[in-house]
Structures are given as C-alpha cells and as structure tokens.
N, C-alpha and C. Protein backbone atom coordinates (compact mmCIF):
# COMPACT_ATOMS: atom_id res chain seq x y z
N UNK A 1 -36.90 0.50 -65.31
CA UNK A 1 -35.40 0.31 -65.90
C UNK A 1 -34.60 1.00 -64.21
N UNK A 2 -35.12 2.32 -64.26
CA UNK A 2 -34.88 2.95 -62.79
C UNK A 2 -34.85 2.24 -61.98
N UNK A 3 -36.15 1.93 -61.52
CA UNK A 3 -36.83 1.34 -60.50
C UNK A 3 -35.96 -0.52 -60.10
N UNK A 4 -35.59 -1.05 -61.06
CA UNK A 4 -34.94 -2.30 -61.06
C UNK A 4 -33.45 -2.02 -60.66
N UNK A 5 -32.89 -0.98 -61.25
CA UNK A 5 -31.61 -0.81 -60.93
C UNK A 5 -31.51 0.02 -59.27
N UNK A 6 -32.58 0.53 -58.88
CA UNK A 6 -32.41 1.37 -57.47
C UNK A 6 -32.70 -0.10 -56.28
N UNK A 7 -33.79 -0.64 -56.95
CA UNK A 7 -33.66 -2.22 -56.17
C UNK A 7 -32.50 -3.14 -55.90
N UNK A 8 -32.05 -3.10 -57.38
CA UNK A 8 -30.76 -4.23 -57.30
C UNK A 8 -29.69 -3.58 -56.31
N UNK A 9 -29.77 -2.35 -56.45
CA UNK A 9 -28.79 -1.72 -55.43
C UNK A 9 -28.73 -1.51 -54.35
N UNK A 10 -30.43 -1.59 -53.46
CA UNK A 10 -30.67 -1.61 -52.05
C UNK A 10 -30.36 -3.33 -51.70
N UNK A 11 -30.63 -4.30 -52.76
CA UNK A 11 -30.44 -5.65 -52.02
C UNK A 11 -28.88 -5.93 -52.04
N UNK A 12 -27.79 -5.43 -53.06
CA UNK A 12 -27.01 -5.60 -52.83
C UNK A 12 -26.16 -5.19 -51.59
N UNK A 13 -26.86 -4.09 -51.48
CA UNK A 13 -26.26 -2.89 -50.10
C UNK A 13 -26.72 -3.50 -48.94
N UNK A 14 -27.54 -4.09 -48.33
CA UNK A 14 -28.14 -4.79 -47.41
C UNK A 14 -27.85 -6.09 -47.41
N UNK A 15 -27.46 -6.72 -48.47
CA UNK A 15 -26.43 -8.12 -48.14
C UNK A 15 -25.07 -8.01 -47.57
N UNK A 16 -24.26 -7.05 -48.82
CA UNK A 16 -23.16 -6.63 -47.97
C UNK A 16 -23.09 -5.56 -46.93
N UNK A 17 -23.48 -4.97 -46.40
CA UNK A 17 -23.62 -4.41 -45.12
C UNK A 17 -23.66 -5.49 -43.90
N UNK A 18 -24.61 -6.28 -44.37
CA UNK A 18 -25.12 -7.46 -42.56
C UNK A 18 -23.41 -7.90 -42.84
N UNK A 19 -22.51 -8.31 -43.70
CA UNK A 19 -21.67 -8.90 -43.27
C UNK A 19 -20.27 -7.92 -43.00
N UNK A 20 -20.28 -6.84 -43.21
CA UNK A 20 -19.25 -5.73 -43.00
C UNK A 20 -19.33 -5.28 -41.81
N UNK A 21 -20.77 -5.29 -41.00
CA UNK A 21 -20.86 -4.40 -39.83
C UNK A 21 -20.53 -5.71 -38.82
N UNK A 22 -20.92 -7.06 -39.10
CA UNK A 22 -21.27 -7.60 -38.64
C UNK A 22 -19.34 -8.34 -37.69
N UNK A 23 -18.98 -8.48 -36.04
CA UNK A 23 -18.16 -8.65 -35.63
C UNK A 23 -18.47 -9.51 -34.31
N UNK A 24 -17.67 -10.37 -34.68
CA UNK A 24 -18.29 -11.92 -33.57
C UNK A 24 -16.24 -12.27 -32.88
N UNK A 25 -16.56 -12.19 -31.67
CA UNK A 25 -15.52 -12.57 -31.30
C UNK A 25 -15.75 -14.27 -30.85
N UNK A 26 -14.44 -14.88 -31.33
CA UNK A 26 -14.86 -16.47 -31.05
C UNK A 26 -15.02 -16.80 -29.92
N UNK A 27 -15.40 -17.62 -29.16
CA UNK A 27 -15.22 -18.60 -28.03
C UNK A 27 -13.87 -18.74 -27.72
N UNK A 28 -13.39 -18.31 -26.49
CA UNK A 28 -11.94 -18.37 -25.59
C UNK A 28 -11.34 -16.96 -26.14
N UNK A 29 -11.81 -16.25 -26.96
CA UNK A 29 -11.21 -14.90 -26.72
C UNK A 29 -10.07 -14.85 -28.34
N UNK A 30 -9.32 -13.28 -28.28
CA UNK A 30 -8.40 -13.42 -29.58
C UNK A 30 -6.96 -13.93 -28.93
N UNK A 31 -6.19 -14.20 -29.65
CA UNK A 31 -4.92 -14.63 -29.93
C UNK A 31 -4.22 -13.35 -29.17
N UNK A 32 -4.06 -12.04 -29.59
CA UNK A 32 -3.67 -11.21 -28.87
C UNK A 32 -3.77 -10.30 -27.77
N UNK A 33 -4.95 -11.07 -27.56
CA UNK A 33 -5.49 -10.14 -25.40
C UNK A 33 -4.86 -11.27 -24.50
N UNK A 34 -4.39 -10.96 -23.37
CA UNK A 34 -3.82 -11.50 -22.74
C UNK A 34 -4.84 -12.49 -21.96
N UNK A 35 -4.50 -13.87 -21.33
CA UNK A 35 -6.09 -14.45 -20.32
C UNK A 35 -6.11 -13.35 -18.99
N UNK A 36 -7.07 -13.27 -18.53
CA UNK A 36 -7.45 -12.35 -17.28
C UNK A 36 -6.27 -13.43 -16.13
N UNK A 37 -6.41 -12.48 -15.52
CA UNK A 37 -5.29 -12.87 -14.43
C UNK A 37 -5.95 -13.40 -13.41
N UNK A 38 -5.18 -14.54 -12.44
CA UNK A 38 -6.23 -15.23 -11.68
C UNK A 38 -6.16 -14.42 -10.40
N UNK A 39 -7.15 -14.83 -9.76
CA UNK A 39 -8.12 -14.05 -8.59
C UNK A 39 -7.16 -14.09 -7.48
N UNK A 40 -6.89 -13.10 -6.74
CA UNK A 40 -6.58 -13.16 -5.15
C UNK A 40 -6.69 -14.10 -4.41
N UNK A 41 -6.06 -14.45 -3.66
CA UNK A 41 -6.51 -15.58 -2.42
C UNK A 41 -7.44 -14.96 -1.62
N UNK A 42 -7.89 -15.19 -1.05
CA UNK A 42 -9.14 -14.87 0.13
C UNK A 42 -8.28 -14.27 1.14
N UNK A 43 -9.12 -13.48 1.60
CA UNK A 43 -8.26 -13.11 2.64
C UNK A 43 -8.68 -13.96 3.84
N UNK A 44 -7.28 -14.16 4.80
CA UNK A 44 -7.03 -14.77 5.88
C UNK A 44 -8.29 -14.06 7.29
N UNK A 45 -8.77 -15.51 7.66
CA UNK A 45 -9.86 -14.85 8.66
C UNK A 45 -9.07 -15.21 10.08
N UNK A 46 -8.76 -13.98 11.00
CA UNK A 46 -7.96 -14.47 11.59
C UNK A 46 -9.04 -14.22 13.18
N UNK A 47 -9.16 -15.28 13.94
CA UNK A 47 -10.07 -15.03 15.40
C UNK A 47 -9.52 -14.84 16.23
N UNK A 48 -9.63 -13.80 17.20
CA UNK A 48 -8.69 -13.51 18.29
C UNK A 48 -9.15 -14.75 19.38
N UNK A 49 -8.12 -14.71 20.34
CA UNK A 49 -8.15 -15.67 21.37
C UNK A 49 -9.31 -15.29 22.27
N UNK A 50 -10.40 -15.92 23.08
CA UNK A 50 -11.04 -15.48 23.86
C UNK A 50 -10.72 -15.83 25.16
N UNK A 51 -10.51 -14.56 26.48
CA UNK A 51 -10.07 -14.69 27.47
C UNK A 51 -10.84 -15.26 28.12
N UNK A 52 -10.50 -16.16 29.12
CA UNK A 52 -10.82 -17.22 30.41
C UNK A 52 -11.46 -16.18 31.29
N UNK A 53 -12.85 -16.75 31.95
CA UNK A 53 -13.22 -15.73 33.07
C UNK A 53 -12.13 -15.65 34.72
N UNK A 54 -11.66 -17.17 34.93
CA UNK A 54 -10.85 -17.52 35.88
C UNK A 54 -9.27 -17.24 35.45
N UNK A 55 -8.65 -17.08 34.26
CA UNK A 55 -7.78 -16.37 34.12
C UNK A 55 -6.98 -14.87 34.58
N UNK A 56 -6.19 -15.07 34.63
CA UNK A 56 -4.98 -13.56 35.32
C UNK A 56 -4.78 -12.89 34.31
N UNK A 57 -5.35 -11.88 34.49
CA UNK A 57 -4.79 -11.17 33.02
C UNK A 57 -3.20 -10.79 33.22
N UNK A 58 -2.58 -10.62 31.62
CA UNK A 58 -0.85 -10.50 31.67
C UNK A 58 -1.03 -9.21 31.21
N UNK A 59 -0.02 -8.50 31.53
CA UNK A 59 -0.01 -7.25 31.12
C UNK A 59 1.38 -7.16 30.31
N UNK A 60 0.51 -6.29 28.92
CA UNK A 60 1.49 -6.71 28.20
C UNK A 60 2.73 -5.61 28.43
N UNK A 61 4.07 -6.19 28.11
CA UNK A 61 5.77 -5.58 28.46
C UNK A 61 5.95 -4.72 27.20
N UNK A 62 6.12 -3.25 27.43
CA UNK A 62 6.53 -2.17 26.78
C UNK A 62 7.68 -1.79 27.06
N UNK A 63 8.57 -2.41 26.00
CA UNK A 63 10.07 -1.72 26.61
C UNK A 63 10.43 -0.85 25.13
N UNK A 64 10.49 0.36 25.69
CA UNK A 64 11.25 1.09 24.38
C UNK A 64 12.82 0.96 24.11
N UNK A 65 13.18 1.13 23.05
CA UNK A 65 14.73 0.73 22.69
C UNK A 65 15.56 1.70 22.58
N UNK A 66 14.67 3.26 22.82
CA UNK A 66 15.69 4.19 23.18
C UNK A 66 15.11 4.83 24.95
N UNK A 67 15.94 5.76 25.32
CA UNK A 67 16.05 6.07 26.42
C UNK A 67 14.95 7.55 26.58
N UNK A 68 14.67 7.91 27.59
CA UNK A 68 13.94 8.95 27.56
C UNK A 68 14.62 9.88 27.34
N UNK A 69 14.30 11.45 26.98
CA UNK A 69 14.97 12.63 26.52
C UNK A 69 15.57 13.04 27.99
N UNK A 70 14.94 13.13 29.17
CA UNK A 70 15.73 13.25 30.50
C UNK A 70 16.93 12.36 30.48
N UNK A 71 17.04 11.41 30.08
CA UNK A 71 17.97 10.28 30.54
C UNK A 71 19.17 10.60 29.64
N UNK A 72 18.91 11.54 28.59
CA UNK A 72 20.09 11.95 27.38
C UNK A 72 20.13 12.75 27.95
N UNK A 73 19.38 13.68 28.22
CA UNK A 73 20.08 14.70 28.35
C UNK A 73 20.89 14.91 29.82
N UNK A 74 20.76 14.49 30.92
CA UNK A 74 21.49 13.89 32.02
C UNK A 74 22.92 13.44 31.37
N UNK A 75 22.98 12.75 30.72
CA UNK A 75 23.68 11.57 30.33
C UNK A 75 24.77 12.71 29.65
N UNK A 76 24.50 13.76 28.47
CA UNK A 76 24.72 14.60 27.95
C UNK A 76 25.63 15.49 28.65
N UNK A 77 24.76 16.01 29.64
CA UNK A 77 25.21 17.06 30.70
C UNK A 77 26.65 16.37 31.51
N UNK A 78 26.39 15.19 31.96
CA UNK A 78 27.65 14.48 32.56
C UNK A 78 28.80 14.50 31.48
N UNK A 79 28.63 14.27 30.82
CA UNK A 79 29.80 13.82 29.61
C UNK A 79 30.31 15.50 29.07
N UNK A 80 29.23 16.21 29.24
CA UNK A 80 30.45 17.99 29.21
C UNK A 80 30.83 18.06 30.32
N UNK A 81 30.66 17.46 31.54
CA UNK A 81 31.40 18.20 32.69
C UNK A 81 32.65 17.37 32.72
N UNK A 82 32.48 16.12 32.19
CA UNK A 82 33.80 15.28 32.22
C UNK A 82 34.76 15.89 31.24
N UNK A 83 34.22 16.45 30.37
CA UNK A 83 35.08 17.24 29.34
C UNK A 83 36.00 18.33 29.36
N UNK A 84 35.36 18.96 30.73
CA UNK A 84 35.33 20.20 31.39
C UNK A 84 34.73 21.67 30.42
N UNK A 85 33.61 21.46 29.86
CA UNK A 85 33.05 22.48 29.76
C UNK A 85 32.26 23.38 30.68
N UNK A 86 32.66 24.63 30.64
CA UNK A 86 31.66 25.62 32.08
C UNK A 86 30.28 25.33 31.80
N UNK A 87 29.43 26.01 32.54
CA UNK A 87 27.98 25.61 32.57
C UNK A 87 27.28 26.30 31.01
N UNK A 88 27.70 27.17 30.75
CA UNK A 88 26.93 27.63 29.60
C UNK A 88 27.38 26.41 28.66
N UNK A 89 28.60 26.50 28.28
CA UNK A 89 28.93 25.49 27.18
C UNK A 89 28.34 23.96 27.35
N UNK A 90 27.99 23.97 28.69
CA UNK A 90 27.31 22.31 28.56
C UNK A 90 25.80 22.45 28.46
N UNK A 91 25.54 23.23 28.61
CA UNK A 91 23.88 23.79 28.51
C UNK A 91 23.65 23.39 26.71
N UNK A 92 24.40 24.28 26.10
CA UNK A 92 24.58 23.99 24.33
C UNK A 92 25.00 22.72 24.35
N UNK A 93 26.09 22.13 24.68
CA UNK A 93 26.44 20.82 24.30
C UNK A 93 25.48 19.59 24.39
N UNK A 94 24.60 19.87 25.42
CA UNK A 94 23.74 18.67 26.33
C UNK A 94 22.26 18.83 25.18
N UNK A 95 22.26 20.21 24.68
CA UNK A 95 20.47 20.43 23.98
C UNK A 95 20.93 19.75 22.52
N UNK A 96 22.09 20.02 21.89
CA UNK A 96 22.21 19.03 20.87
C UNK A 96 22.60 17.91 20.78
N UNK A 97 23.35 17.33 21.71
CA UNK A 97 23.70 15.91 22.11
C UNK A 97 22.20 15.06 22.69
N UNK A 98 21.56 15.54 23.20
CA UNK A 98 20.13 14.51 23.16
C UNK A 98 19.58 14.27 22.23
N UNK A 99 19.60 15.55 21.60
CA UNK A 99 18.93 15.54 20.23
C UNK A 99 19.58 14.45 18.85
N UNK A 100 20.53 14.22 19.46
CA UNK A 100 21.13 13.49 18.30
C UNK A 100 21.08 11.62 18.70
N UNK A 101 21.41 11.38 19.69
CA UNK A 101 21.50 10.47 20.51
C UNK A 101 20.10 9.42 20.63
N UNK A 102 20.30 8.34 21.04
CA UNK A 102 19.00 7.13 20.93
C UNK A 102 18.86 7.14 22.17
C-alpha cells in the first residue's frame, strides 16, 4: 500500500510539474511587449569628386569673420587716443578692448 501511494504521488507530481514549468511565448509576442523599433536607414555613401589631370587646381578661400588680434589692438589704441587717454591708460584700455571685440 505504501508503494502504490508513493507511486501515485510521483505520477501526479510528474504530470502537474510538466505543465507548471512550461512557459511558451506565442508567435507574434505578447500584447504587453512593444514591437522592436524599425532599423535606422543605411548610411549615405559619399564619393568625392576625382580631380582631373588637366584641370587647374582651385585654392580654397579662407575668410575669417574675425579680425586679427593685432588689428583689434591697433583699432583700440586709436580709439583710446581719440578719447584723450594718456599712454598708460591707452595700453590698459587696448588690452581689455581687444579681448572683448570680434
């Protein structure tokens, strides 16, 4: 009797354990999981222009929107002289003025 009870318990546990531990995800996923994002577009491939052997090379024009530091100092010294500042005051004014200007 004891053997049949143990055997019956083992069979019941084996049958119920198979369904309790099996978790399957249906095709198409869950309603609670959002779909994966779309893949990004492929990168644009840029092919540079090939220079011709007979063509004259063009020089790139470099224009700075800002004047040089020396030009700014000269302009600030001129402004200080026009304002009637002495030499010591002009040098102080030109240092602070040149650093603030474009």
